[in-house]
Structure formats: structure tokens, C-alpha cells
Amino acid sequence: MKQIIILFSIFFISIQLYGQETIFFVQKKPNGQIEEFYVLKSDKNTKHGTYVKYRMAFGNVIILESGNFNNGQKHGDWQSFYDSNKYKNSLKERGTYFNGSRNGLWSTFYMDTTSNFTGIEKYGKKKTADSLAVNIEQKALKIKQAGIFIKDKRVGEWVTYNFNGELIQKYNFNTIELFYDREIKDSLEYNKTRKATFLGGKKFLIDYLNENITRGLPLLNRNNIHFKVSFTIDENGKITDLKVIDSNLLDKTNSNLLSVFYNLDSSWIVALDNGNKVKYTYQAEWKVSKEKTTHMAYHYKDWKVAFTLSD
């Protein structure tokens, strides 16, 4: 089995990082998340040094994100983890930042459902844990997608695999060549005429949007919700003309949900018409309704979600 060791070391004293004096902070948020980080002693608004975000669940540490800051910008190795009580500390994404921009190899992984060993040491005085050092042994990583970023821009070949390790897509951002896509039957048309395609395929897009859009909906306020948007992928693979065309939600909620799409701005394969890059417009719609339940409170699993993506 493939094994990696990820070590988070956050200490409770001020130390000298990158040649500058720093102060350690712990911030507890209303949602239960905890951040541990350093700031410059000369500017307490500027993060500088190691950073970790986590939450506690039934005595367990659930790591969410870890990395380093340099003068307020993400710098060096970063990793994020699935937020799961059952499969604790399963690596979701790993890569490197350089002065705030993603640079170098970035990889995403499927949730590791094999039990992982997590070793925890607590630091502090008088039995009070001021900070934590967490050692995670990831036993069964399954790669989902991998490729290179340069200054936050995807370059070169990007590959996507299914959970069984089978290739489902390969695309080159430099040459705009789609070498393989399991969802496109006629491979001769890959690089002549095609719709705008989400990196990894339609299923990757639907999974991402269902998870992120649905979590942002105010489910407890209504029995039925609908939210429909239109957006265009331009000749550079960027999202433009994004707008709500039908919704029974508040304007503020609509704006928050639209931001989910903008997070996908660098994840599109451009459309082609006879070999020429062209714009392509989609519509996406969610219909969410309550299912019968005996629960006193409603959760994500208590809702029926219908998602459609159309030209």
C-alpha cells in the first residue's frame, strides 16, 4: 500500500520564522473550527509561518487544512482534507504555493475509506493543550486528478482517474488537445468540434456543484427550492455572463451560490467549432424538496436533490 506521512507541528511559543519575529494565535470560530497560526509581531494582521485549521469531534482531531504563510501569502506545501467524522483526516488535495499563487504539481484524491493511524501530541502548561502536533499515516490514497499550475493557471497535461484507477480524461491546456474522454464516443471529433467540457467530465461537475450548492441552500426555510442559472464558457475557458434566471431564494443567497461557479473558473476545457475556439453557454438548475422524515431537524440526507445541466 502507498503510504505518506504528513506532519503538522504548531508550537505554542513565539519563534523566529523566515528571519522575522512572530506571535502565535489560536482562533476558535462559531462553526466549531479552530485555526492555529503565526502573525508578524510588527503587523498582527499578517500571517507568517505555519498554519493549521481543524475541528474537534468526539475527542478526535479532524484536520481540514494545513500549510505555511510568508508575509501574508500562502507559500510552500499545502494540503486539505475531507471533512468527515467517519473517515478522519483523509487527504483531499495537495500542492504548492509560491507567493500566494498555486505553482507546481497539484493532486486531488478520492476519500480514503481505509482506517488511518493518527498520532496526536498536545503541548501546553498545567495540562492545558495550547496547540497540537498531528502525525497522519495515509494508507490507501487513490488519485483523482493531477496536473501543473503556474501562477494559478493550469498548464500542460492534466489527467483524471476514476476510483478504480482507470483513466477517464486527459487534456493538454497548452495545446487545447483533448487526448481522451470516456464520455465522448467519437474520438475523431475530440479536437475539431466539441462542447465546453468540465475538467474531469460532467460527473465531476455535477458532484462538485451538488455538494457545494446544496450545502449553501437555506434548506430549513422552505419545503421546496429551485435555483437556475445561465453561464458562458468563453474562448479562454473562463466563466462569463453568469446570471440567475429563476430562483425563489433571497438575492443575498443567490449571490453566495453564484460564487461557487466562479471557483470553477480555471476548470473548463474550451469549446471548438471546426477546430476554432468558441464560446459555449450552459444552464444549470437545482430543485430541492423535503423528503418524509421522522427527524426533529432536517439534514442534507433528508432532502431530494434534482440537478440538470443543459445547453
Protein backbone atom coordinates (compact mmCIF):
# COMPACT_ATOMS: atom_id res chain seq x y z
CA MET A 1 0.00 0.00 0.00
CA LYS A 2 1.11 3.51 -0.71
CA GLN A 3 1.95 5.41 2.43
CA ILE A 4 2.69 9.02 3.13
CA ILE A 5 3.43 10.80 6.35
CA ILE A 6 2.12 14.32 6.83
CA LEU A 7 3.42 16.11 9.88
CA PHE A 8 1.82 19.20 11.35
CA SER A 9 3.86 20.93 14.05
CA ILE A 10 2.33 24.01 15.61
CA PHE A 11 4.05 25.23 18.76
CA PHE A 12 2.72 27.49 21.48
CA ILE A 13 5.67 29.89 21.80
CA SER A 14 6.84 32.79 19.64
CA ILE A 15 9.64 31.71 17.32
CA GLN A 16 11.83 33.18 14.63
CA LEU A 17 10.44 32.26 11.16
CA TYR A 18 11.93 33.43 7.88
CA GLY A 19 14.12 35.77 9.90
CA GLN A 20 11.20 37.70 11.40
CA GLU A 21 9.78 37.63 14.90
CA THR A 22 6.28 36.15 15.16
CA ILE A 23 3.45 35.66 17.64
CA PHE A 24 1.29 32.55 17.90
CA PHE A 25 -2.52 32.78 17.74
CA VAL A 26 -5.40 30.36 18.24
CA GLN A 27 -8.79 31.39 16.84
CA LYS A 28 -11.98 29.50 17.57
CA LYS A 29 -14.80 30.18 15.11
CA PRO A 30 -18.56 29.99 15.72
CA ASN A 31 -18.80 26.97 13.37
CA GLY A 32 -16.51 24.98 15.67
CA GLN A 33 -13.41 25.26 13.50
CA ILE A 34 -10.09 26.18 15.11
CA GLU A 35 -7.18 27.94 13.41
CA GLU A 36 -3.62 27.96 14.73
CA PHE A 37 -1.15 30.30 13.05
CA TYR A 38 1.59 32.87 13.47
CA VAL A 39 1.50 36.56 12.70
CA LEU A 40 4.29 39.11 12.43
CA LYS A 41 4.98 40.83 15.72
CA SER A 42 5.33 44.07 13.75
CA ASP A 43 1.98 43.55 11.95
CA LYS A 44 -0.56 41.33 13.68
CA ASN A 45 -2.79 41.29 10.55
CA THR A 46 -0.13 39.46 8.53
CA LYS A 47 0.11 35.68 8.85
CA HIS A 48 3.69 34.42 8.72
CA GLY A 49 4.69 30.83 9.41
CA THR A 50 2.90 27.51 9.89
CA TYR A 51 -0.90 27.33 9.71
CA VAL A 52 -3.45 24.62 10.51
CA LYS A 53 -7.24 24.54 10.58
CA TYR A 54 -9.11 21.74 12.33
CA ARG A 55 -12.12 20.88 14.46
CA MET A 56 -12.74 18.52 17.34
CA ALA A 57 -15.29 15.68 17.13
CA PHE A 58 -15.86 13.24 20.00
CA GLY A 59 -12.33 13.77 21.23
CA ASN A 60 -10.80 13.36 17.77
CA VAL A 61 -8.89 15.99 15.81
CA ILE A 62 -10.34 16.45 12.31
CA ILE A 63 -7.71 18.27 10.23
CA LEU A 64 -9.19 20.48 7.48
CA GLU A 65 -6.21 22.36 6.06
CA SER A 66 -2.51 22.92 6.72
CA GLY A 67 0.32 24.87 5.19
CA ASN A 68 2.56 27.92 5.54
CA PHE A 69 2.28 31.66 5.10
CA ASN A 70 5.04 34.04 4.07
CA ASN A 71 4.27 37.72 4.72
CA GLY A 72 0.52 37.11 4.46
CA GLN A 73 0.63 34.89 1.37
CA LYS A 74 0.35 31.13 1.09
CA HIS A 75 3.79 29.73 0.37
CA GLY A 76 5.19 26.20 0.19
CA ASP A 77 3.37 22.90 0.65
CA TRP A 78 -0.37 22.97 1.32
CA GLN A 79 -2.87 20.20 1.87
CA SER A 80 -6.59 19.99 2.54
CA PHE A 81 -8.61 17.10 3.97
CA TYR A 82 -12.13 15.74 3.70
CA ASP A 83 -14.38 16.99 6.49
CA SER A 84 -15.56 13.59 7.74
CA ASN A 85 -16.04 12.13 11.21
CA LYS A 86 -16.13 8.57 9.86
CA TYR A 87 -13.04 8.70 7.63
CA LYS A 88 -10.91 11.03 9.68
CA ASN A 89 -8.06 13.01 8.13
CA SER A 90 -8.39 11.66 4.61
CA LEU A 91 -6.25 13.73 2.23
CA LYS A 92 -8.30 15.60 -0.37
CA GLU A 93 -5.82 17.85 -2.16
CA ARG A 94 -2.09 18.56 -2.06
CA GLY A 95 0.16 21.04 -3.85
CA THR A 96 2.48 24.01 -3.51
CA TYR A 97 2.06 27.78 -3.40
CA PHE A 98 4.60 30.41 -4.34
CA ASN A 99 3.87 33.90 -3.02
CA GLY A 100 0.11 33.31 -2.93
CA SER A 101 -0.27 31.52 -6.28
CA ARG A 102 -0.53 27.80 -6.99
CA ASN A 103 2.66 26.62 -8.68
CA GLY A 104 3.92 23.14 -9.47
CA LEU A 105 2.18 19.78 -9.22
CA TRP A 106 -1.29 19.67 -7.66
CA SER A 107 -3.13 16.43 -6.97
CA THR A 108 -6.60 15.59 -5.66
CA PHE A 109 -7.57 12.26 -4.14
CA TYR A 110 -10.65 10.17 -3.52
CA MET A 111 -11.71 9.81 0.09
CA ASP A 112 -9.56 7.21 1.83
CA THR A 113 -12.02 4.76 3.40
CA THR A 114 -9.23 2.67 4.90
CA SER A 115 -8.60 3.32 8.57
CA ASN A 116 -5.72 5.76 9.02
CA PHE A 117 -3.41 6.00 12.00
CA THR A 118 -3.46 9.44 13.60
CA GLY A 119 -0.97 10.22 16.35
CA ILE A 120 -1.55 13.35 18.44
CA GLU A 121 0.70 15.18 20.90
CA LYS A 122 -0.60 18.08 22.96
CA TYR A 123 1.55 20.99 24.07
CA GLY A 124 0.87 23.36 26.93
CA LYS A 125 1.26 24.11 30.60
CA LYS A 126 -0.74 22.69 33.51
CA LYS A 127 -2.43 20.07 31.33
CA THR A 128 -3.91 22.73 29.06
CA ALA A 129 -3.46 21.99 25.35
CA ASP A 130 -2.21 25.22 23.81
CA SER A 131 -1.51 23.52 20.49
CA LEU A 132 -1.28 20.18 18.73
CA ALA A 133 1.18 18.15 16.70
CA VAL A 134 -0.62 15.62 14.48
CA ASN A 135 1.05 12.77 12.62
CA ILE A 136 -1.17 11.19 9.92
CA GLU A 137 -0.39 7.94 8.14
CA GLN A 138 -2.42 7.85 4.90
CA LYS A 139 -2.63 4.20 3.92
CA ALA A 140 -4.62 3.94 0.70
CA LEU A 141 -4.51 7.10 -1.40
CA LYS A 142 -6.40 6.87 -4.70
CA ILE A 143 -5.51 9.69 -7.07
CA LYS A 144 -8.41 11.56 -8.63
CA GLN A 145 -6.80 14.27 -10.71
CA ALA A 146 -3.32 15.71 -11.22
CA GLY A 147 -1.57 18.42 -13.22
CA ILE A 148 0.64 21.51 -13.13
CA PHE A 149 -0.21 25.09 -12.13
CA ILE A 150 1.91 28.13 -12.98
CA LYS A 151 0.77 31.33 -11.30
CA ASP A 152 -2.70 29.86 -10.65
CA LYS A 153 -3.09 28.86 -14.29
CA ARG A 154 -3.39 25.22 -15.37
CA VAL A 155 -0.71 24.26 -17.90
CA GLY A 156 0.33 21.14 -19.76
CA GLU A 157 -1.35 17.76 -19.40
CA TRP A 158 -3.99 17.13 -16.75
CA VAL A 159 -5.22 13.60 -16.08
CA THR A 160 -8.31 12.33 -14.28
CA TYR A 161 -8.96 8.81 -12.96
CA ASN A 162 -11.98 7.03 -11.54
CA PHE A 163 -12.00 5.37 -8.13
CA ASN A 164 -10.68 2.12 -9.65
CA GLY A 165 -7.64 3.87 -11.09
CA GLU A 166 -8.87 3.85 -14.70
CA LEU A 167 -8.12 6.88 -16.90
CA ILE A 168 -11.27 8.84 -17.72
CA GLN A 169 -9.81 12.02 -19.23
CA LYS A 170 -6.52 13.51 -20.44
CA TYR A 171 -6.26 17.11 -21.64
CA ASN A 172 -3.41 19.48 -22.53
CA PHE A 173 -4.10 23.11 -21.60
CA ASN A 174 -1.20 24.43 -23.69
CA THR A 175 -2.23 22.82 -26.97
CA ILE A 176 -6.01 22.63 -26.13
CA GLU A 177 -5.84 18.98 -27.18
CA LEU A 178 -8.23 16.52 -25.60
CA PHE A 179 -6.37 13.22 -25.85
CA TYR A 180 -9.04 11.10 -24.19
CA ASP A 181 -12.50 11.41 -22.66
CA ARG A 182 -14.61 8.37 -21.79
CA GLU A 183 -17.82 10.40 -22.19
CA ILE A 184 -17.09 11.32 -25.83
CA LYS A 185 -17.74 8.37 -28.13
CA ASP A 186 -16.24 9.71 -31.37
CA SER A 187 -12.58 10.33 -30.62
CA LEU A 188 -12.01 11.70 -34.14
CA GLU A 189 -14.01 14.78 -33.14
CA TYR A 190 -12.13 15.48 -29.90
CA ASN A 191 -10.20 18.40 -31.31
CA LYS A 192 -12.47 19.52 -34.14
CA THR A 193 -15.92 20.15 -32.73
CA ARG A 194 -16.86 19.79 -29.07
CA LYS A 195 -18.88 21.39 -26.31
CA ALA A 196 -17.14 23.18 -23.47
CA THR A 197 -16.20 20.37 -21.11
CA PHE A 198 -15.53 20.39 -17.39
CA LEU A 199 -12.10 19.11 -16.43
CA GLY A 200 -12.73 15.52 -15.38
CA GLY A 201 -16.08 15.29 -17.15
CA LYS A 202 -19.73 16.03 -16.44
CA LYS A 203 -19.91 13.76 -13.40
CA PHE A 204 -17.11 15.71 -11.71
CA LEU A 205 -19.01 18.95 -12.36
CA ILE A 206 -22.32 17.60 -11.05
CA ASP A 207 -20.70 16.12 -7.93
CA TYR A 208 -18.95 19.39 -7.13
CA LEU A 209 -21.99 21.59 -7.71
CA ASN A 210 -24.43 19.30 -5.91
CA GLU A 211 -22.21 19.25 -2.84
CA ASN A 212 -21.36 22.94 -2.73
CA ILE A 213 -24.62 24.45 -3.96
CA THR A 214 -26.84 22.28 -1.79
CA ARG A 215 -24.81 22.99 1.34
CA GLY A 216 -25.31 26.68 0.71
CA LEU A 217 -29.09 26.50 0.38
CA PRO A 218 -31.23 27.59 3.37
CA LEU A 219 -32.94 24.21 3.50
CA LEU A 220 -34.77 24.75 6.75
CA ASN A 221 -36.63 27.80 5.49
CA ARG A 222 -38.62 26.25 2.65
CA ASN A 223 -40.22 22.98 1.65
CA ASN A 224 -39.16 23.38 -1.98
CA ILE A 225 -36.33 25.32 -3.55
CA HIS A 226 -35.41 26.00 -7.14
CA PHE A 227 -32.34 27.80 -8.43
CA LYS A 228 -31.46 28.14 -12.12
CA VAL A 229 -28.51 29.93 -13.69
CA SER A 230 -27.06 30.57 -17.11
CA PHE A 231 -23.34 30.90 -17.79
CA THR A 232 -20.96 31.00 -20.74
CA ILE A 233 -17.51 29.44 -21.10
CA ASP A 234 -15.52 31.85 -23.27
CA GLU A 235 -12.67 31.16 -25.71
CA ASN A 236 -10.16 31.15 -22.83
CA GLY A 237 -12.11 28.65 -20.75
CA LYS A 238 -13.33 31.33 -18.34
CA ILE A 239 -16.86 31.70 -16.94
CA THR A 240 -18.66 34.82 -18.23
CA ASP A 241 -22.24 36.12 -18.30
CA LEU A 242 -23.11 34.22 -15.14
CA LYS A 243 -26.61 35.15 -14.02
CA VAL A 244 -29.63 33.85 -12.14
CA ILE A 245 -32.59 33.29 -14.47
CA ASP A 246 -35.02 31.69 -11.99
CA SER A 247 -34.94 31.38 -8.22
CA ASN A 248 -37.18 31.52 -5.16
CA LEU A 249 -34.27 32.46 -2.89
CA LEU A 250 -33.17 35.79 -1.47
CA ASP A 251 -30.80 37.90 -3.56
CA LYS A 252 -28.04 37.50 -0.96
CA THR A 253 -28.34 33.73 -1.14
CA ASN A 254 -28.29 33.85 -4.94
CA SER A 255 -25.06 35.86 -4.83
CA ASN A 256 -23.44 33.40 -2.44
CA LEU A 257 -24.37 30.47 -4.67
CA LEU A 258 -23.04 32.19 -7.78
CA SER A 259 -19.65 32.40 -6.11
CA VAL A 260 -19.50 28.60 -6.24
CA PHE A 261 -19.34 28.83 -10.05
CA TYR A 262 -16.57 31.41 -10.03
CA ASN A 263 -14.45 28.96 -8.05
CA LEU A 264 -14.55 26.74 -11.17
CA ASP A 265 -13.14 29.42 -13.44
CA SER A 266 -9.93 27.57 -14.28
CA SER A 267 -11.50 24.12 -14.67
CA TRP A 268 -13.01 24.25 -18.16
CA ILE A 269 -11.89 22.80 -21.48
CA VAL A 270 -12.79 25.26 -24.24
CA ALA A 271 -15.39 24.50 -26.89
CA LEU A 272 -14.31 24.09 -30.53
CA ASP A 273 -16.13 24.62 -33.81
CA ASN A 274 -14.22 23.14 -36.74
CA GLY A 275 -11.02 23.49 -34.76
CA ASN A 276 -11.62 27.10 -33.68
CA LYS A 277 -12.16 28.12 -30.06
CA VAL A 278 -15.71 29.39 -29.46
CA LYS A 279 -17.98 30.39 -26.60
CA TYR A 280 -20.43 27.87 -25.19
CA THR A 281 -23.45 28.53 -22.95
CA TYR A 282 -24.97 26.22 -20.35
CA GLN A 283 -27.92 26.34 -17.99
CA ALA A 284 -27.81 24.62 -14.61
CA GLU A 285 -30.84 24.03 -12.39
CA TRP A 286 -31.42 22.67 -8.88
CA LYS A 287 -34.73 21.52 -7.48
CA VAL A 288 -34.57 20.64 -3.81
CA SER A 289 -37.50 19.26 -1.81
CA LYS A 290 -38.03 17.75 1.62
CA GLU A 291 -38.43 14.02 1.89
CA LYS A 292 -40.51 12.35 4.56
CA THR A 293 -38.54 12.04 7.77
CA THR A 294 -39.06 11.47 11.48
CA HIS A 295 -36.09 13.65 12.40
CA MET A 296 -36.73 16.71 14.52
CA ALA A 297 -34.17 18.61 12.42
CA TYR A 298 -33.54 18.31 8.70
CA HIS A 299 -30.18 17.37 7.29
CA TYR A 300 -28.72 17.09 3.82
CA LYS A 301 -29.72 13.41 3.59
CA ASP A 302 -33.35 14.34 4.29
CA TRP A 303 -33.65 16.23 1.01
CA LYS A 304 -34.25 15.14 -2.55
CA VAL A 305 -31.96 16.96 -4.96
CA ALA A 306 -32.53 17.06 -8.71
CA PHE A 307 -29.78 18.67 -10.78
CA THR A 308 -29.77 19.21 -14.54
CA LEU A 309 -27.18 20.71 -16.89
CA SER A 310 -28.41 21.66 -20.36
CA ASP A 311 -27.22 23.55 -23.43
